[in-house]
Amino acid sequence: MGTLAAASWASATTTSAQEQPGPSSFVPAEHGFGFRNWSLSDQYFEDPPQPDPATVRERIREEWSDKARAVLGLGPGKLPSALVDALARQLRAAVVQRAGTNGHCYGMILSAQRYFDRPETMPVDRPTASDIEVPTVPLDDPAAPVYDDIVTSQAEQYFRFRSWVGRQAVVYADRIDTAQLLDHIRSVIETTGKASLFLFDGSLNGHQVLAYDYRTDGESVRIPIYDPNWSALAYQQRTPELRFTRDGDTASMRPYRQYTTVVFNRYDQIERATGHSDVGPLDHVTIDRATAREELFPTMVVTADTAAVNVTAVGPRGRELERIESEHMDRSRGRYPRLRRRHGAAPGTYRLGVYGTDETDYELSVVVADTEGAIVDVTRTASIGVDERHEYDLEITDAGDGTLSRVRRSGSGPTVWTAAGALGGAAVGALGYRAVSERREGSEADGEDG
């Protein structure tokens, strides 16, 4: 096994990006892989190695600070350690548990694109990707270079700052500027012949596909796609596509399977296709920099270090904290198998629950941090039995500090832990917190407390 390195249609009024002079056409039946997407639950292949936690933190620390200043207008200097740690826990869990993607779809798409654009990079002796029958070819060799390419590309998506910010937009799907997004998709397809797209549903399940044409018929837009959940052979009889309706300056997406939202975050491709510089996530949403900062920070991460417990986290307005997920993600993997997170943590009381599914010791960690530093950074260890429940209250104040208290059923006073140095220290101002709280009141009432 290798290793992980660090149904066509036409109309007289229809126009197609592929009718324009430009790149050769990507054909899924030829350039898609000869195998379908696989998930961790399939267990066909050995699990890829898990990235080292220190390496994840270092990449965020070294690569994200400049991007954060450019995209969000953050102040100079490196991101504080507490915020880096909170982000690193989320990203590493996403990588090892395959959160936010249906199996290995993103890695397959990037690898298929690369083999199409530069056939010399295909690491096995096959004419096209459709001739690669399994990820681990050649079967008589312990090396698996195609597998390595896929899992490496799969992991790499999580470490790009602009892509990370772009993925957070799915929490606020009503703010996505779909018309602008479609314009950028078309530009990239006309220039490069393809565009990789993220698809999401209302529960934050994610999937990724490759668009290779852009067709219009009046107000209708159809985008044929390579969906790696089907092997290349299937495309001899099917042409899946995304469908949109444009209405002036707005556009809406028709459901594709369970997915209702699309995100396109290959901003480097958009810049090359449009000739514009500094294209980023805020170009696809109807909010400004200040609002984006307030709704991304503070970041809250709640984790448990064992799969023998389940963890819940409910926000001040009774809505459960969520995370970007996927149909086949494996929540048992990684240093923190149980994770809940919230961006833009508003003041109030968050009720945390730990539920025992087996007799075990557990470590519950809570980090709330913003661009100034830690607000809460607390770890608590305890023993729990089967079907036993432990509850904690996480309090975040208007002043920008916080405490974690174990809720005792006996009626005695709670035990309180605070972040070292947090009280009166590293926090954004109360006015910022109140602004976030007021802005979020409507979305939390609608169940978007994720």
Protein backbone atom coordinates (compact mmCIF):
# COMPACT_ATOMS: atom_id res chain seq x y z
CA MET A 1 0.00 0.00 0.00
CA GLY A 2 1.28 3.45 -0.76
CA THR A 3 1.71 6.27 1.74
CA LEU A 4 0.12 9.69 2.16
CA ALA A 5 2.66 12.41 1.30
CA ALA A 6 2.59 15.61 3.85
CA ALA A 7 -28.06 11.83 -21.95
CA SER A 8 -27.20 14.96 -23.72
CA TRP A 9 -29.79 17.58 -24.77
CA ALA A 10 -29.90 20.39 -27.29
CA SER A 11 -31.94 23.41 -28.34
CA ALA A 12 -31.77 25.89 -31.15
CA THR A 13 -31.34 28.60 -28.51
CA THR A 14 -28.85 26.69 -26.38
CA THR A 15 -25.27 27.85 -26.05
CA SER A 16 -22.47 25.75 -24.64
CA ALA A 17 -19.12 26.73 -23.22
CA GLN A 18 -17.59 23.86 -25.15
CA GLU A 19 -18.78 25.41 -28.43
CA GLN A 20 -16.31 28.20 -27.84
CA PRO A 21 -12.69 27.84 -29.02
CA GLY A 22 -10.72 26.61 -26.07
CA PRO A 23 -9.51 23.53 -24.23
CA SER A 24 -10.23 19.99 -25.33
CA SER A 25 -13.29 18.41 -23.78
CA PHE A 26 -13.25 16.37 -20.60
CA VAL A 27 -15.35 13.26 -21.29
CA PRO A 28 -16.32 11.35 -18.11
CA ALA A 29 -16.64 8.02 -19.96
CA GLU A 30 -12.99 8.39 -20.98
CA HIS A 31 -11.34 10.67 -18.46
CA GLY A 32 -13.24 9.66 -15.34
CA PHE A 33 -11.86 6.82 -13.25
CA GLY A 34 -12.72 3.20 -14.03
CA PHE A 35 -13.79 2.75 -10.40
CA ARG A 36 -16.39 4.55 -8.34
CA ASN A 37 -15.82 6.67 -5.27
CA TRP A 38 -15.25 4.70 -2.11
CA SER A 39 -15.73 5.60 1.53
CA LEU A 40 -14.10 4.59 4.77
CA SER A 41 -17.10 2.36 5.51
CA ASP A 42 -16.35 0.22 2.44
CA GLN A 43 -13.06 -0.98 3.94
CA TYR A 44 -11.80 -2.06 0.51
CA PHE A 45 -8.45 -0.45 1.09
CA GLU A 46 -6.15 0.32 3.96
CA ASP A 47 -6.90 3.61 5.71
CA PRO A 48 -4.52 6.43 4.80
CA PRO A 49 -2.15 7.65 7.52
CA GLN A 50 -3.32 10.48 9.74
CA PRO A 51 -1.56 13.85 9.46
CA ASP A 52 0.58 14.80 12.41
CA PRO A 53 -1.17 17.34 14.72
CA ALA A 54 1.93 19.52 14.96
CA THR A 55 2.18 19.65 11.16
CA VAL A 56 -1.46 20.75 10.88
CA ARG A 57 -0.93 23.52 13.44
CA GLU A 58 2.24 24.67 11.71
CA ARG A 59 0.55 24.88 8.31
CA ILE A 60 -2.25 27.01 9.74
CA ARG A 61 0.19 29.23 11.60
CA GLU A 62 2.51 29.77 8.65
CA GLU A 63 0.11 29.76 5.69
CA TRP A 64 -3.14 31.26 6.98
CA SER A 65 -2.13 34.54 8.60
CA ASP A 66 -1.36 36.43 5.36
CA LYS A 67 -4.48 35.04 3.67
CA ALA A 68 -6.62 36.00 6.67
CA ARG A 69 -5.38 39.59 6.42
CA ALA A 70 -6.07 39.72 2.67
CA VAL A 71 -9.51 38.08 2.75
CA LEU A 72 -10.93 39.22 6.09
CA GLY A 73 -8.87 42.30 6.84
CA LEU A 74 -7.43 40.93 10.07
CA GLY A 75 -4.70 42.87 11.78
CA PRO A 76 -0.99 42.22 11.30
CA GLY A 77 0.79 39.40 13.05
CA LYS A 78 0.31 35.69 13.35
CA LEU A 79 -2.91 34.04 14.43
CA PRO A 80 -2.87 33.40 18.20
CA SER A 81 -2.04 29.91 19.45
CA ALA A 82 -5.47 29.22 20.94
CA LEU A 83 -7.18 30.01 17.64
CA VAL A 84 -4.65 27.93 15.72
CA ASP A 85 -5.30 24.99 18.07
CA ALA A 86 -9.08 25.31 17.67
CA LEU A 87 -8.84 25.43 13.88
CA ALA A 88 -6.31 22.59 13.79
CA ARG A 89 -8.62 20.28 15.73
CA GLN A 90 -11.40 20.92 13.22
CA LEU A 91 -9.21 20.48 10.16
CA ARG A 92 -7.44 17.35 11.33
CA ALA A 93 -10.76 15.73 12.30
CA ALA A 94 -12.14 16.65 8.86
CA VAL A 95 -9.17 15.00 7.16
CA VAL A 96 -9.07 11.76 9.13
CA GLN A 97 -12.86 11.33 9.38
CA ARG A 98 -13.56 12.45 5.78
CA ALA A 99 -16.02 15.10 6.97
CA GLY A 100 -17.60 17.37 4.40
CA THR A 101 -17.02 15.02 1.50
CA ASN A 102 -18.63 11.81 0.31
CA GLY A 103 -15.71 9.39 0.51
CA HIS A 104 -12.79 10.40 -1.70
CA CYS A 105 -14.66 12.47 -4.30
CA TYR A 106 -12.45 15.55 -4.09
CA GLY A 107 -9.23 13.61 -4.40
CA MET A 108 -10.65 11.70 -7.37
CA ILE A 109 -11.72 14.90 -9.10
CA LEU A 110 -8.39 16.66 -8.65
CA SER A 111 -6.45 13.59 -9.76
CA ALA A 112 -8.70 13.02 -12.79
CA GLN A 113 -8.22 16.69 -13.76
CA ARG A 114 -4.47 16.42 -13.42
CA TYR A 115 -4.23 13.22 -15.48
CA PHE A 116 -6.42 14.83 -18.18
CA ASP A 117 -4.50 18.11 -18.29
CA ARG A 118 -1.08 16.49 -18.03
CA PRO A 119 -1.23 12.83 -19.09
CA GLU A 120 2.46 12.45 -18.30
CA THR A 121 1.65 12.77 -14.57
CA MET A 122 -0.41 9.56 -14.56
CA PRO A 123 1.78 7.29 -12.42
CA VAL A 124 0.67 3.98 -13.97
CA ASP A 125 0.80 2.60 -17.50
CA ARG A 126 -2.79 3.24 -18.60
CA PRO A 127 -4.03 5.20 -21.66
CA THR A 128 -6.65 7.18 -19.69
CA ALA A 129 -8.10 7.31 -16.18
CA SER A 130 -11.04 5.16 -17.29
CA ASP A 131 -8.55 2.32 -17.79
CA ILE A 132 -7.57 2.45 -14.10
CA GLU A 133 -9.84 -0.24 -12.70
CA VAL A 134 -9.06 0.15 -8.98
CA PRO A 135 -7.19 2.79 -6.94
CA THR A 136 -4.43 0.35 -5.99
CA VAL A 137 -3.13 -0.57 -9.45
CA PRO A 138 -0.79 -2.17 -10.26
CA LEU A 139 -2.17 -5.03 -8.16
CA ASP A 140 1.10 -6.98 -8.26
CA ASP A 141 3.09 -4.10 -6.75
CA PRO A 142 3.02 -2.97 -3.09
CA ALA A 143 3.14 0.65 -4.26
CA ALA A 144 -0.17 2.36 -5.04
CA PRO A 145 0.64 5.72 -6.66
CA VAL A 146 -2.90 6.46 -7.91
CA TYR A 147 -4.25 5.80 -4.42
CA ASP A 148 -1.57 8.08 -3.01
CA ASP A 149 -2.47 10.87 -5.45
CA ILE A 150 -6.15 10.64 -4.51
CA VAL A 151 -5.77 10.59 -0.73
CA THR A 152 -3.11 13.32 -0.79
CA SER A 153 -5.32 15.60 -2.89
CA GLN A 154 -8.29 14.71 -0.69
CA ALA A 155 -6.50 15.97 2.39
CA GLU A 156 -4.96 19.04 0.80
CA GLN A 157 -8.33 20.77 0.27
CA TYR A 158 -8.73 21.36 4.00
CA PHE A 159 -5.53 23.36 4.38
CA ARG A 160 -6.29 26.21 1.96
CA PHE A 161 -7.56 29.23 3.88
CA ARG A 162 -9.77 30.67 1.12
CA SER A 163 -11.31 27.23 0.55
CA TRP A 164 -11.98 26.89 4.28
CA VAL A 165 -13.73 30.26 4.43
CA GLY A 166 -15.67 29.38 1.29
CA ARG A 167 -16.97 26.16 2.84
CA GLN A 168 -18.33 28.05 5.83
CA ALA A 169 -20.70 29.87 3.43
CA VAL A 170 -22.93 26.79 3.32
CA VAL A 171 -24.08 27.59 6.85
CA TYR A 172 -25.59 30.78 5.41
CA ALA A 173 -26.92 29.37 2.13
CA ASP A 174 -29.46 32.19 1.80
CA ARG A 175 -26.56 34.65 1.48
CA ILE A 176 -24.80 32.90 -1.40
CA ASP A 177 -24.78 35.00 -4.59
CA THR A 178 -25.58 32.12 -6.96
CA ALA A 179 -25.72 34.39 -10.02
CA GLN A 180 -22.17 35.67 -9.45
CA LEU A 181 -21.01 32.16 -8.70
CA LEU A 182 -22.47 30.90 -12.01
CA ASP A 183 -20.69 33.68 -13.89
CA HIS A 184 -17.39 32.54 -12.40
CA ILE A 185 -18.11 28.88 -13.11
CA ARG A 186 -18.80 29.72 -16.74
CA SER A 187 -15.64 31.78 -17.07
CA VAL A 188 -13.50 28.98 -15.68
CA ILE A 189 -15.13 26.29 -17.85
CA GLU A 190 -14.68 28.44 -20.97
CA THR A 191 -11.02 28.92 -20.06
CA THR A 192 -9.99 25.54 -18.67
CA GLY A 193 -12.78 23.18 -19.75
CA LYS A 194 -13.82 22.21 -16.22
CA ALA A 195 -14.52 23.42 -12.67
CA SER A 196 -14.62 21.46 -9.40
CA LEU A 197 -17.74 22.24 -7.36
CA PHE A 198 -18.81 21.57 -3.77
CA LEU A 199 -22.42 20.48 -3.25
CA PHE A 200 -24.21 20.66 0.10
CA ASP A 201 -27.61 19.88 1.53
CA GLY A 202 -29.52 21.46 4.38
CA SER A 203 -27.84 19.26 6.99
CA LEU A 204 -24.31 20.24 5.91
CA ASN A 205 -23.59 16.93 4.15
CA GLY A 206 -21.13 17.59 1.35
CA HIS A 207 -20.11 16.08 -1.99
CA GLN A 208 -17.84 17.20 -4.82
CA VAL A 209 -18.24 16.96 -8.58
CA LEU A 210 -16.45 18.17 -11.70
CA ALA A 211 -18.31 20.45 -14.14
CA TYR A 212 -17.10 20.18 -17.73
CA ASP A 213 -19.63 22.23 -19.74
CA TYR A 214 -21.99 25.17 -19.27
CA ARG A 215 -25.24 25.21 -21.28
CA THR A 216 -27.90 27.92 -21.37
CA ASP A 217 -31.42 27.94 -22.80
CA GLY A 218 -33.13 31.22 -22.01
CA GLU A 219 -33.21 31.49 -18.22
CA SER A 220 -32.22 27.85 -17.74
CA VAL A 221 -28.66 26.79 -17.03
CA ARG A 222 -27.50 23.18 -17.19
CA ILE A 223 -24.04 22.12 -16.12
CA PRO A 224 -23.04 18.54 -17.01
CA ILE A 225 -20.85 16.99 -14.33
CA TYR A 226 -18.55 14.09 -13.62
CA ASP A 227 -19.82 12.64 -10.34
CA PRO A 228 -17.19 10.19 -9.07
CA ASN A 229 -19.87 8.14 -7.30
CA TRP A 230 -20.22 6.47 -10.72
CA SER A 231 -17.42 4.80 -12.64
CA ALA A 232 -16.49 5.91 -16.15
CA LEU A 233 -18.44 3.01 -17.66
CA ALA A 234 -21.71 4.40 -16.26
CA TYR A 235 -21.28 7.59 -18.31
CA GLN A 236 -21.85 5.70 -21.54
CA GLN A 237 -25.54 5.74 -20.59
CA ARG A 238 -25.96 8.74 -18.28
CA THR A 239 -25.18 12.45 -18.19
CA PRO A 240 -25.81 13.86 -14.71
CA GLU A 241 -26.10 17.62 -14.56
CA LEU A 242 -26.75 20.51 -12.22
CA ARG A 243 -29.68 22.75 -13.16
CA PHE A 244 -30.24 26.39 -12.32
CA THR A 245 -32.80 29.08 -13.15
CA ARG A 246 -31.65 32.67 -13.61
CA ASP A 247 -33.94 35.62 -12.95
CA GLY A 248 -32.21 38.90 -13.64
CA ASP A 249 -29.44 39.35 -11.10
CA THR A 250 -30.43 36.28 -9.08
CA ALA A 251 -30.29 32.54 -9.66
CA SER A 252 -31.52 29.43 -7.89
CA MET A 253 -30.40 25.80 -7.96
CA ARG A 254 -32.69 22.85 -8.51
CA PRO A 255 -31.93 19.90 -6.21
CA TYR A 256 -29.37 17.40 -7.43
CA ARG A 257 -30.07 14.25 -5.46
CA GLN A 258 -30.22 15.62 -1.90
CA TYR A 259 -27.97 18.60 -2.62
CA THR A 260 -29.40 22.11 -2.89
CA THR A 261 -26.39 24.44 -2.61
CA VAL A 262 -23.24 24.83 -4.66
CA VAL A 263 -19.93 26.44 -3.69
CA PHE A 264 -17.00 27.10 -6.04
CA ASN A 265 -13.81 27.93 -4.22
CA ARG A 266 -11.02 27.48 -6.76
CA TYR A 267 -10.29 31.20 -6.58
CA ASP A 268 -6.94 30.80 -8.33
CA GLN A 269 -8.76 29.50 -11.41
CA ILE A 270 -11.31 32.30 -11.22
CA GLU A 271 -8.53 34.89 -11.11
CA ARG A 272 -6.84 33.45 -14.18
CA ALA A 273 -10.15 33.09 -16.09
CA THR A 274 -11.48 36.58 -15.30
CA GLY A 275 -8.24 38.56 -15.09
CA HIS A 276 -9.30 39.87 -11.69
CA SER A 277 -7.00 39.74 -8.69
CA ASP A 278 -7.80 38.92 -5.07
CA VAL A 279 -10.95 36.95 -5.86
CA GLY A 280 -12.14 35.25 -2.70
CA PRO A 281 -15.03 33.82 -0.70
CA LEU A 282 -16.66 37.20 -0.11
CA ASP A 283 -17.22 37.55 -3.88
CA HIS A 284 -19.81 34.76 -3.65
CA VAL A 285 -21.77 35.93 -0.60
CA THR A 286 -23.80 39.03 0.15
CA ILE A 287 -21.90 40.07 3.28
CA ASP A 288 -18.95 42.37 3.87
CA ARG A 289 -15.61 41.79 5.58
CA ALA A 290 -16.67 43.01 9.00
CA THR A 291 -19.73 40.76 9.03
CA ALA A 292 -17.66 37.80 7.87
CA ARG A 293 -15.12 38.34 10.67
CA GLU A 294 -17.83 38.56 13.31
CA GLU A 295 -19.54 35.42 12.04
CA LEU A 296 -16.35 33.36 11.83
CA PHE A 297 -14.80 34.45 15.12
CA PRO A 298 -14.81 33.59 17.92
CA THR A 299 -14.50 29.95 16.96
CA MET A 300 -15.77 27.33 19.42
CA VAL A 301 -14.62 23.71 19.35
CA VAL A 302 -15.91 21.03 21.75
CA THR A 303 -14.16 17.66 21.60
CA ALA A 304 -14.01 14.32 23.40
CA ASP A 305 -11.09 11.96 23.09
CA THR A 306 -12.99 8.65 22.94
CA ALA A 307 -15.58 7.04 20.66
CA ALA A 308 -17.14 5.45 23.77
CA VAL A 309 -19.12 8.63 24.40
CA ASN A 310 -21.41 10.83 22.34
CA VAL A 311 -21.23 14.61 22.68
CA THR A 312 -23.96 17.18 22.19
CA ALA A 313 -23.70 20.96 22.32
CA VAL A 314 -26.79 23.16 22.32
CA GLY A 315 -26.61 26.91 21.78
CA PRO A 316 -28.32 29.70 23.74
CA ARG A 317 -31.47 29.50 21.60
CA GLY A 318 -31.85 25.75 21.87
CA ARG A 319 -30.23 24.77 18.57
CA GLU A 320 -27.61 22.07 18.41
CA LEU A 321 -24.13 22.92 17.25
CA GLU A 322 -23.21 21.04 14.09
CA ARG A 323 -20.29 20.40 11.79
CA ILE A 324 -19.88 19.89 8.05
CA GLU A 325 -20.47 16.19 7.49
CA SER A 326 -20.61 13.50 4.83
CA GLU A 327 -22.69 10.40 4.29
CA HIS A 328 -19.83 7.99 4.91
CA MET A 329 -17.62 9.85 7.38
CA ASP A 330 -16.10 7.78 10.17
CA ARG A 331 -16.53 9.57 13.49
CA SER A 332 -14.43 7.03 15.39
CA ARG A 333 -11.12 8.11 13.88
CA GLY A 334 -8.57 10.60 15.12
CA ARG A 335 -7.36 12.11 18.38
CA TYR A 336 -10.80 13.65 19.00
CA PRO A 337 -13.45 11.23 17.66
CA ARG A 338 -16.26 13.44 18.93
CA LEU A 339 -16.36 17.07 17.81
CA ARG A 340 -18.84 19.93 17.71
CA ARG A 341 -18.02 23.40 16.51
CA ARG A 342 -19.49 26.86 16.14
CA HIS A 343 -18.17 29.87 14.27
CA GLY A 344 -19.14 33.28 15.61
CA ALA A 345 -19.98 32.05 19.11
CA ALA A 346 -22.55 34.50 20.49
CA PRO A 347 -22.77 35.29 24.22
CA GLY A 348 -24.98 33.06 26.34
CA THR A 349 -25.13 29.59 27.86
CA TYR A 350 -24.19 26.51 25.86
CA ARG A 351 -25.27 23.18 27.37
CA LEU A 352 -22.78 20.42 26.67
CA GLY A 353 -23.74 16.78 27.14
CA VAL A 354 -21.50 13.72 27.38
CA TYR A 355 -23.35 10.38 27.03
CA GLY A 356 -21.65 7.09 27.82
CA THR A 357 -22.04 4.26 25.32
CA ASP A 358 -19.50 2.17 27.21
CA GLU A 359 -17.76 2.38 30.54
CA THR A 360 -14.79 4.65 30.01
CA ASP A 361 -12.70 7.60 31.07
CA TYR A 362 -13.03 10.66 28.85
CA GLU A 363 -11.40 14.01 28.30
CA LEU A 364 -13.75 16.85 27.37
CA SER A 365 -12.01 19.87 25.88
CA VAL A 366 -13.53 23.25 25.10
CA VAL A 367 -11.70 25.96 23.20
CA VAL A 368 -13.30 29.31 22.37
CA ALA A 369 -10.87 31.67 20.69
CA ASP A 370 -10.82 34.72 18.47
CA THR A 371 -8.16 36.68 16.64
CA GLU A 372 -6.94 38.17 19.93
CA GLY A 373 -6.51 34.90 21.81
CA ALA A 374 -8.27 32.47 24.14
CA ILE A 375 -11.65 33.19 25.69
CA VAL A 376 -12.08 29.69 27.10
CA ASP A 377 -9.50 26.91 26.95
CA VAL A 378 -10.47 24.17 29.39
CA THR A 379 -10.02 20.40 29.61
CA ARG A 380 -11.97 18.21 32.02
CA THR A 381 -11.51 14.48 32.63
CA ALA A 382 -14.06 12.15 34.22
CA SER A 383 -15.26 8.54 34.31
CA ILE A 384 -18.65 7.63 32.87
CA GLY A 385 -20.76 4.47 32.69
CA VAL A 386 -23.04 3.00 30.05
CA ASP A 387 -26.13 5.19 29.51
CA GLU A 388 -24.80 7.72 32.03
CA ARG A 389 -25.00 11.42 31.19
CA HIS A 390 -22.78 14.27 32.29
CA GLU A 391 -23.75 17.86 31.60
CA TYR A 392 -21.73 21.05 31.53
CA ASP A 393 -22.64 24.72 31.08
CA LEU A 394 -20.35 26.85 28.95
CA GLU A 395 -20.97 30.53 29.66
CA ILE A 396 -19.74 33.21 27.27
CA THR A 397 -20.29 36.77 28.45
CA ASP A 398 -20.85 40.07 26.64
CA ALA A 399 -17.49 41.15 28.00
CA GLY A 400 -15.75 38.42 26.02
CA ASP A 401 -14.74 35.97 28.73
CA GLY A 402 -16.17 32.61 29.71
CA THR A 403 -16.37 29.70 32.12
CA LEU A 404 -17.15 25.97 31.99
CA SER A 405 -19.24 24.50 34.83
CA ARG A 406 -20.16 20.89 35.58
CA VAL A 407 -23.92 20.74 36.23
CA ARG A 408 -24.53 18.73 39.37
CA ARG A 409 -27.87 16.97 39.71
CA SER A 410 -27.70 17.04 43.51
CA GLY A 411 -28.50 20.73 43.54
CA SER A 412 -25.12 21.79 44.89
CA GLY A 413 -23.31 24.66 43.27
CA PRO A 414 -21.49 24.05 40.01
CA THR A 415 -17.77 23.53 39.73
CA VAL A 416 -16.29 26.25 37.55
CA TRP A 417 -13.19 26.26 35.34
CA THR A 418 -12.01 29.40 33.52
CA ALA A 419 -9.48 29.97 30.80
CA ALA A 420 -6.13 30.89 32.24
CA GLY A 421 -5.64 34.61 31.73
CA ALA A 422 -8.94 34.96 29.89
CA LEU A 423 -10.87 37.02 32.42
CA GLY A 424 -10.53 40.65 31.51
CA GLY A 425 -7.92 39.66 28.93
CA ALA A 426 -7.96 38.39 25.37
CA ALA A 427 -11.43 39.05 24.01
CA VAL A 428 -13.20 41.13 21.44
CA GLY A 429 -15.32 44.01 22.68
CA ALA A 430 -18.83 43.65 24.03
CA LEU A 431 -20.25 45.69 21.18
CA GLY A 432 -18.91 43.17 18.68
CA TYR A 433 -20.44 40.30 20.60
CA ARG A 434 -23.81 42.03 20.85
CA ALA A 435 -23.76 42.73 17.11
CA VAL A 436 -23.15 39.06 16.39
CA SER A 437 -25.83 38.02 18.85
CA GLU A 438 -28.44 40.31 17.31
CA ARG A 439 -27.50 39.32 13.78
CA ARG A 440 -27.64 35.64 14.63
CA GLU A 441 -30.94 35.75 16.51
CA GLY A 442 -32.97 35.11 13.36
CA SER A 443 -30.71 32.41 11.91
CA GLU A 444 -30.56 30.48 15.18
CA ALA A 445 -34.33 30.55 15.44
CA ASP A 446 -34.38 28.99 11.97
CA GLY A 447 -32.14 26.16 13.05
CA GLU A 448 -28.83 27.37 11.65
CA ASP A 449 -26.93 27.18 14.89
CA GLY A 450 -24.02 25.36 13.27
